[in-house]
């Protein structure tokens, strides 16, 4: 620590960041979420760099006990110490869940 402050953090020395997210609830168990994140690291610290990502996710649960979920994220980053050019990637996931309404083994 330095004067009671922790020296390390997710962004690094003299870095700047912002994170925004919003959730829209369609029902008590169904929602849509969107988020944005930016991180910038000072050039004086290991050549600096920046990262941006945008993500969207959704969960839809129906009375039948069936739930569909999915998410997508796009990320772009540029850290010259790690790679000479800007890099980007995409991640996508899909899920299906069944929530039984009663236990079939009960009498």
N, C-alpha and C. Protein backbone atom coordinates (compact mmCIF):
# COMPACT_ATOMS: atom_id res chain seq x y z
N UNK A 1 0.83 -1.19 0.00
CA UNK A 1 0.00 0.00 0.00
C UNK A 1 0.87 1.25 0.00
N UNK A 2 0.28 2.35 -0.39
CA UNK A 2 0.94 3.65 -0.40
C UNK A 2 -0.04 4.65 0.18
N UNK A 3 0.25 5.17 1.35
CA UNK A 3 -0.67 6.08 2.04
C UNK A 3 -2.05 5.46 2.21
N UNK A 4 -2.10 4.15 2.46
CA UNK A 4 -3.37 3.47 2.67
C UNK A 4 -4.09 3.07 1.38
N UNK A 5 -3.52 3.38 0.22
CA UNK A 5 -4.14 3.01 -1.06
C UNK A 5 -3.46 1.78 -1.64
N UNK A 6 -4.24 0.88 -2.20
CA UNK A 6 -3.69 -0.30 -2.85
C UNK A 6 -3.01 0.13 -4.14
N UNK A 7 -1.81 -0.37 -4.40
CA UNK A 7 -1.05 0.03 -5.58
C UNK A 7 -1.57 -0.60 -6.87
N UNK A 8 -2.06 -1.81 -6.83
CA UNK A 8 -2.52 -2.48 -8.04
C UNK A 8 -4.01 -2.30 -8.27
N UNK A 9 -4.39 -2.28 -9.53
CA UNK A 9 -5.81 -2.28 -9.88
C UNK A 9 -5.97 -2.89 -11.26
N UNK A 10 -7.17 -3.01 -11.73
CA UNK A 10 -7.45 -3.70 -13.00
C UNK A 10 -6.92 -2.94 -14.22
N UNK A 11 -6.72 -1.65 -14.11
CA UNK A 11 -6.31 -0.85 -15.25
C UNK A 11 -4.81 -0.56 -15.26
N UNK A 12 -4.20 -0.42 -14.11
CA UNK A 12 -2.77 -0.12 -14.05
C UNK A 12 -2.50 1.31 -13.65
N UNK A 13 -1.24 1.62 -13.52
CA UNK A 13 -0.85 2.97 -13.08
C UNK A 13 -1.29 4.02 -14.07
N UNK A 14 -1.85 5.09 -13.55
CA UNK A 14 -2.31 6.23 -14.33
C UNK A 14 -3.24 5.82 -15.47
N UNK A 15 -3.94 4.72 -15.31
CA UNK A 15 -4.89 4.28 -16.32
C UNK A 15 -6.25 4.91 -16.09
N UNK A 16 -7.05 4.87 -17.11
CA UNK A 16 -8.40 5.40 -17.02
C UNK A 16 -9.37 4.37 -17.57
N UNK A 17 -10.53 4.33 -16.99
CA UNK A 17 -11.50 3.34 -17.46
C UNK A 17 -12.92 3.79 -17.21
N UNK A 18 -13.80 3.17 -17.95
CA UNK A 18 -15.22 3.42 -17.78
C UNK A 18 -15.95 2.10 -18.06
N UNK A 19 -17.01 1.87 -17.32
CA UNK A 19 -17.83 0.69 -17.54
C UNK A 19 -19.29 1.10 -17.38
N UNK A 20 -20.08 0.75 -18.38
CA UNK A 20 -21.51 1.07 -18.38
C UNK A 20 -22.29 -0.21 -18.62
N UNK A 21 -23.41 -0.37 -17.96
CA UNK A 21 -24.27 -1.52 -18.23
C UNK A 21 -25.70 -1.16 -17.87
N UNK A 22 -26.61 -1.83 -18.54
CA UNK A 22 -28.02 -1.61 -18.29
C UNK A 22 -28.75 -2.94 -18.44
N UNK A 23 -29.74 -3.14 -17.59
CA UNK A 23 -30.55 -4.37 -17.64
C UNK A 23 -32.01 -3.99 -17.79
N UNK A 24 -32.67 -4.63 -18.74
CA UNK A 24 -34.10 -4.44 -18.93
C UNK A 24 -34.79 -5.75 -18.57
N UNK A 25 -35.64 -5.69 -17.55
CA UNK A 25 -36.34 -6.89 -17.08
C UNK A 25 -37.66 -7.00 -17.82
N UNK A 26 -37.82 -8.08 -18.57
CA UNK A 26 -39.06 -8.35 -19.28
C UNK A 26 -40.10 -8.97 -18.35
N UNK A 27 -39.63 -9.73 -17.38
CA UNK A 27 -40.45 -10.38 -16.36
C UNK A 27 -39.52 -10.66 -15.19
N UNK A 28 -40.03 -11.20 -14.09
CA UNK A 28 -39.14 -11.48 -12.96
C UNK A 28 -38.00 -12.46 -13.28
N UNK A 29 -38.14 -13.25 -14.34
CA UNK A 29 -37.11 -14.24 -14.66
C UNK A 29 -36.55 -14.10 -16.08
N UNK A 30 -36.92 -13.08 -16.81
CA UNK A 30 -36.42 -12.86 -18.16
C UNK A 30 -35.84 -11.46 -18.26
N UNK A 31 -34.66 -11.35 -18.87
CA UNK A 31 -34.00 -10.05 -18.93
C UNK A 31 -33.10 -9.94 -20.15
N UNK A 32 -32.77 -8.70 -20.49
CA UNK A 32 -31.80 -8.38 -21.53
C UNK A 32 -30.80 -7.42 -20.91
N UNK A 33 -29.51 -7.67 -21.11
CA UNK A 33 -28.47 -6.83 -20.54
C UNK A 33 -27.50 -6.41 -21.63
N UNK A 34 -27.08 -5.14 -21.60
CA UNK A 34 -26.08 -4.61 -22.53
C UNK A 34 -24.99 -3.93 -21.71
N UNK A 35 -23.75 -4.04 -22.18
CA UNK A 35 -22.65 -3.41 -21.44
C UNK A 35 -21.56 -2.92 -22.38
N UNK A 36 -20.80 -1.94 -21.90
CA UNK A 36 -19.66 -1.38 -22.61
C UNK A 36 -18.54 -1.15 -21.60
N UNK A 37 -17.30 -1.42 -22.02
CA UNK A 37 -16.15 -1.20 -21.12
C UNK A 37 -15.00 -0.63 -21.93
N UNK A 38 -14.32 0.36 -21.37
CA UNK A 38 -13.11 0.92 -21.96
C UNK A 38 -12.04 1.01 -20.89
N UNK A 39 -10.84 0.58 -21.24
CA UNK A 39 -9.69 0.71 -20.34
C UNK A 39 -8.53 1.29 -21.14
N UNK A 40 -7.91 2.29 -20.59
CA UNK A 40 -6.74 2.89 -21.23
C UNK A 40 -5.59 2.95 -20.24
N UNK A 41 -4.41 2.49 -20.68
CA UNK A 41 -3.22 2.46 -19.83
C UNK A 41 -2.24 3.50 -20.33
N UNK A 42 -1.64 4.24 -19.43
CA UNK A 42 -0.69 5.29 -19.76
C UNK A 42 0.49 4.73 -20.54
N UNK A 43 0.96 5.48 -21.57
CA UNK A 43 2.10 5.04 -22.39
C UNK A 43 3.39 4.87 -21.59
N UNK A 44 3.50 5.57 -20.47
CA UNK A 44 4.71 5.47 -19.66
C UNK A 44 4.80 4.14 -18.91
N UNK A 45 3.73 3.37 -18.89
CA UNK A 45 3.71 2.10 -18.18
C UNK A 45 3.67 0.95 -19.19
N UNK A 46 4.78 0.31 -19.40
CA UNK A 46 4.89 -0.83 -20.31
C UNK A 46 4.29 -0.55 -21.69
N UNK A 47 4.57 0.62 -22.23
CA UNK A 47 4.14 1.08 -23.55
C UNK A 47 2.65 1.37 -23.67
N UNK A 48 1.90 1.22 -22.60
CA UNK A 48 0.48 1.55 -22.59
C UNK A 48 -0.38 0.67 -23.48
N UNK A 49 -1.60 1.12 -23.71
CA UNK A 49 -2.53 0.39 -24.55
C UNK A 49 -3.96 0.68 -24.17
N UNK A 50 -4.87 0.05 -24.89
CA UNK A 50 -6.28 0.23 -24.57
C UNK A 50 -7.09 -1.00 -24.95
N UNK A 51 -8.25 -1.10 -24.33
CA UNK A 51 -9.17 -2.21 -24.56
C UNK A 51 -10.59 -1.65 -24.57
N UNK A 52 -11.39 -2.11 -25.52
CA UNK A 52 -12.81 -1.77 -25.58
C UNK A 52 -13.60 -3.05 -25.80
N UNK A 53 -14.71 -3.20 -25.12
CA UNK A 53 -15.59 -4.32 -25.43
C UNK A 53 -17.05 -3.94 -25.24
N UNK A 54 -17.88 -4.60 -26.05
CA UNK A 54 -19.33 -4.41 -26.03
C UNK A 54 -19.95 -5.78 -25.90
N UNK A 55 -20.96 -5.93 -25.05
CA UNK A 55 -21.59 -7.23 -24.85
C UNK A 55 -23.10 -7.08 -24.72
N UNK A 56 -23.81 -8.13 -25.15
CA UNK A 56 -25.26 -8.21 -25.00
C UNK A 56 -25.58 -9.63 -24.55
N UNK A 57 -26.48 -9.75 -23.58
CA UNK A 57 -26.92 -11.08 -23.14
C UNK A 57 -28.42 -11.04 -22.86
N UNK A 58 -29.02 -12.21 -22.94
CA UNK A 58 -30.47 -12.29 -22.72
C UNK A 58 -30.82 -13.64 -22.12
N UNK A 59 -31.83 -13.64 -21.26
CA UNK A 59 -32.42 -14.85 -20.68
C UNK A 59 -33.93 -14.74 -20.84
N UNK A 60 -34.53 -15.78 -21.41
CA UNK A 60 -35.98 -15.83 -21.57
C UNK A 60 -36.47 -17.13 -20.95
N UNK A 61 -37.26 -17.02 -19.89
CA UNK A 61 -37.83 -18.21 -19.24
C UNK A 61 -39.34 -18.21 -19.47
N UNK A 62 -39.86 -19.39 -19.86
CA UNK A 62 -41.27 -19.54 -20.16
C UNK A 62 -41.95 -20.35 -19.06
N UNK A 63 -43.28 -20.27 -18.99
CA UNK A 63 -44.03 -20.97 -17.95
C UNK A 63 -43.86 -22.48 -18.03
N UNK A 64 -43.52 -22.99 -19.18
CA UNK A 64 -43.33 -24.43 -19.35
C UNK A 64 -42.07 -24.93 -18.65
N UNK A 65 -41.27 -24.02 -18.12
CA UNK A 65 -40.03 -24.40 -17.45
C UNK A 65 -38.83 -24.40 -18.37
N UNK A 66 -39.01 -23.95 -19.59
CA UNK A 66 -37.93 -23.90 -20.56
C UNK A 66 -37.30 -22.51 -20.54
N UNK A 67 -35.97 -22.47 -20.55
CA UNK A 67 -35.26 -21.19 -20.55
C UNK A 67 -34.23 -21.19 -21.68
N UNK A 68 -34.22 -20.10 -22.44
CA UNK A 68 -33.23 -19.88 -23.48
C UNK A 68 -32.34 -18.72 -23.04
N UNK A 69 -31.04 -18.90 -23.18
CA UNK A 69 -30.12 -17.83 -22.84
C UNK A 69 -29.05 -17.72 -23.92
N UNK A 70 -28.52 -16.54 -24.06
CA UNK A 70 -27.48 -16.33 -25.05
C UNK A 70 -26.71 -15.06 -24.76
N UNK A 71 -25.51 -15.00 -25.27
CA UNK A 71 -24.71 -13.79 -25.12
C UNK A 71 -23.76 -13.65 -26.30
N UNK A 72 -23.36 -12.41 -26.56
CA UNK A 72 -22.38 -12.10 -27.60
C UNK A 72 -21.52 -10.96 -27.10
N UNK A 73 -20.23 -11.05 -27.37
CA UNK A 73 -19.28 -10.02 -26.94
C UNK A 73 -18.27 -9.77 -28.05
N UNK A 74 -18.00 -8.50 -28.30
CA UNK A 74 -16.96 -8.09 -29.24
C UNK A 74 -15.92 -7.33 -28.45
N UNK A 75 -14.66 -7.68 -28.62
CA UNK A 75 -13.57 -7.03 -27.88
C UNK A 75 -12.49 -6.60 -28.86
N UNK A 76 -11.96 -5.40 -28.66
CA UNK A 76 -10.85 -4.89 -29.47
C UNK A 76 -9.79 -4.35 -28.52
N UNK A 77 -8.55 -4.75 -28.72
CA UNK A 77 -7.49 -4.29 -27.83
C UNK A 77 -6.22 -4.00 -28.60
N UNK A 78 -5.43 -3.10 -28.04
CA UNK A 78 -4.15 -2.72 -28.62
C UNK A 78 -3.16 -2.48 -27.48
N UNK A 79 -2.28 -3.44 -27.26
CA UNK A 79 -1.20 -3.32 -26.30
C UNK A 79 0.09 -3.65 -27.04
N UNK A 80 0.84 -2.62 -27.49
CA UNK A 80 2.03 -2.84 -28.32
C UNK A 80 3.05 -3.82 -27.74
N UNK A 81 3.15 -3.89 -26.44
CA UNK A 81 4.09 -4.82 -25.84
C UNK A 81 3.69 -6.28 -26.09
N UNK A 82 2.38 -6.54 -26.25
CA UNK A 82 1.89 -7.90 -26.48
C UNK A 82 1.73 -8.24 -27.95
N UNK A 83 1.32 -7.28 -28.77
CA UNK A 83 1.12 -7.51 -30.21
C UNK A 83 1.32 -6.19 -30.95
N UNK A 84 1.97 -6.22 -32.11
CA UNK A 84 2.27 -4.98 -32.83
C UNK A 84 1.05 -4.31 -33.48
N UNK A 85 -0.02 -5.05 -33.69
CA UNK A 85 -1.22 -4.49 -34.31
C UNK A 85 -2.43 -4.67 -33.41
N UNK A 86 -3.48 -3.93 -33.72
CA UNK A 86 -4.73 -4.04 -32.96
C UNK A 86 -5.34 -5.42 -33.19
N UNK A 87 -5.81 -6.03 -32.12
CA UNK A 87 -6.44 -7.36 -32.17
C UNK A 87 -7.90 -7.25 -31.76
N UNK A 88 -8.71 -8.18 -32.25
CA UNK A 88 -10.11 -8.22 -31.85
C UNK A 88 -10.58 -9.66 -31.80
N UNK A 89 -11.66 -9.88 -31.08
CA UNK A 89 -12.23 -11.22 -30.99
C UNK A 89 -13.71 -11.11 -30.69
N UNK A 90 -14.40 -12.21 -30.96
CA UNK A 90 -15.84 -12.31 -30.72
C UNK A 90 -16.10 -13.58 -29.93
N UNK A 91 -16.97 -13.49 -28.96
CA UNK A 91 -17.38 -14.67 -28.19
C UNK A 91 -18.91 -14.73 -28.20
N UNK A 92 -19.44 -15.93 -28.47
CA UNK A 92 -20.89 -16.13 -28.53
C UNK A 92 -21.22 -17.39 -27.74
N UNK A 93 -22.29 -17.36 -26.97
CA UNK A 93 -22.74 -18.55 -26.25
C UNK A 93 -24.27 -18.65 -26.33
N UNK A 94 -24.74 -19.89 -26.33
CA UNK A 94 -26.17 -20.18 -26.37
C UNK A 94 -26.45 -21.28 -25.37
N UNK A 95 -27.55 -21.18 -24.64
CA UNK A 95 -27.89 -22.21 -23.66
C UNK A 95 -29.38 -22.47 -23.62
N UNK A 96 -29.71 -23.71 -23.33
CA UNK A 96 -31.11 -24.11 -23.12
C UNK A 96 -31.16 -24.86 -21.80
N UNK A 97 -32.09 -24.46 -20.93
CA UNK A 97 -32.24 -25.10 -19.63
C UNK A 97 -33.70 -25.47 -19.44
N UNK A 98 -33.91 -26.64 -18.85
CA UNK A 98 -35.27 -27.05 -18.52
C UNK A 98 -35.40 -27.08 -17.00
N UNK A 99 -36.38 -26.38 -16.47
CA UNK A 99 -36.65 -26.31 -15.03
C UNK A 99 -37.94 -27.08 -14.78
N UNK A 100 -37.88 -28.33 -14.29
CA UNK A 100 -39.11 -29.11 -14.06
C UNK A 100 -40.03 -28.40 -13.07
N UNK A 101 -41.32 -28.53 -13.29
CA UNK A 101 -42.28 -27.88 -12.40
C UNK A 101 -42.58 -28.72 -11.18
N UNK A 102 -42.34 -30.03 -11.26
CA UNK A 102 -42.53 -30.88 -10.10
C UNK A 102 -41.57 -32.07 -10.20
N UNK A 103 -41.34 -32.70 -9.09
CA UNK A 103 -40.43 -33.83 -9.04
C UNK A 103 -41.17 -35.11 -9.45
N UNK A 104 -40.78 -35.75 -10.57
CA UNK A 104 -41.50 -36.93 -11.04
C UNK A 104 -41.31 -38.14 -10.11
N UNK A 105 -40.34 -38.11 -9.20
CA UNK A 105 -40.10 -39.22 -8.29
C UNK A 105 -40.92 -39.13 -7.01
N UNK A 106 -41.56 -37.99 -6.79
CA UNK A 106 -42.35 -37.84 -5.55
C UNK A 106 -43.68 -38.62 -5.67
N UNK A 107 -44.21 -39.05 -4.52
CA UNK A 107 -45.46 -39.82 -4.50
C UNK A 107 -46.65 -38.96 -4.23
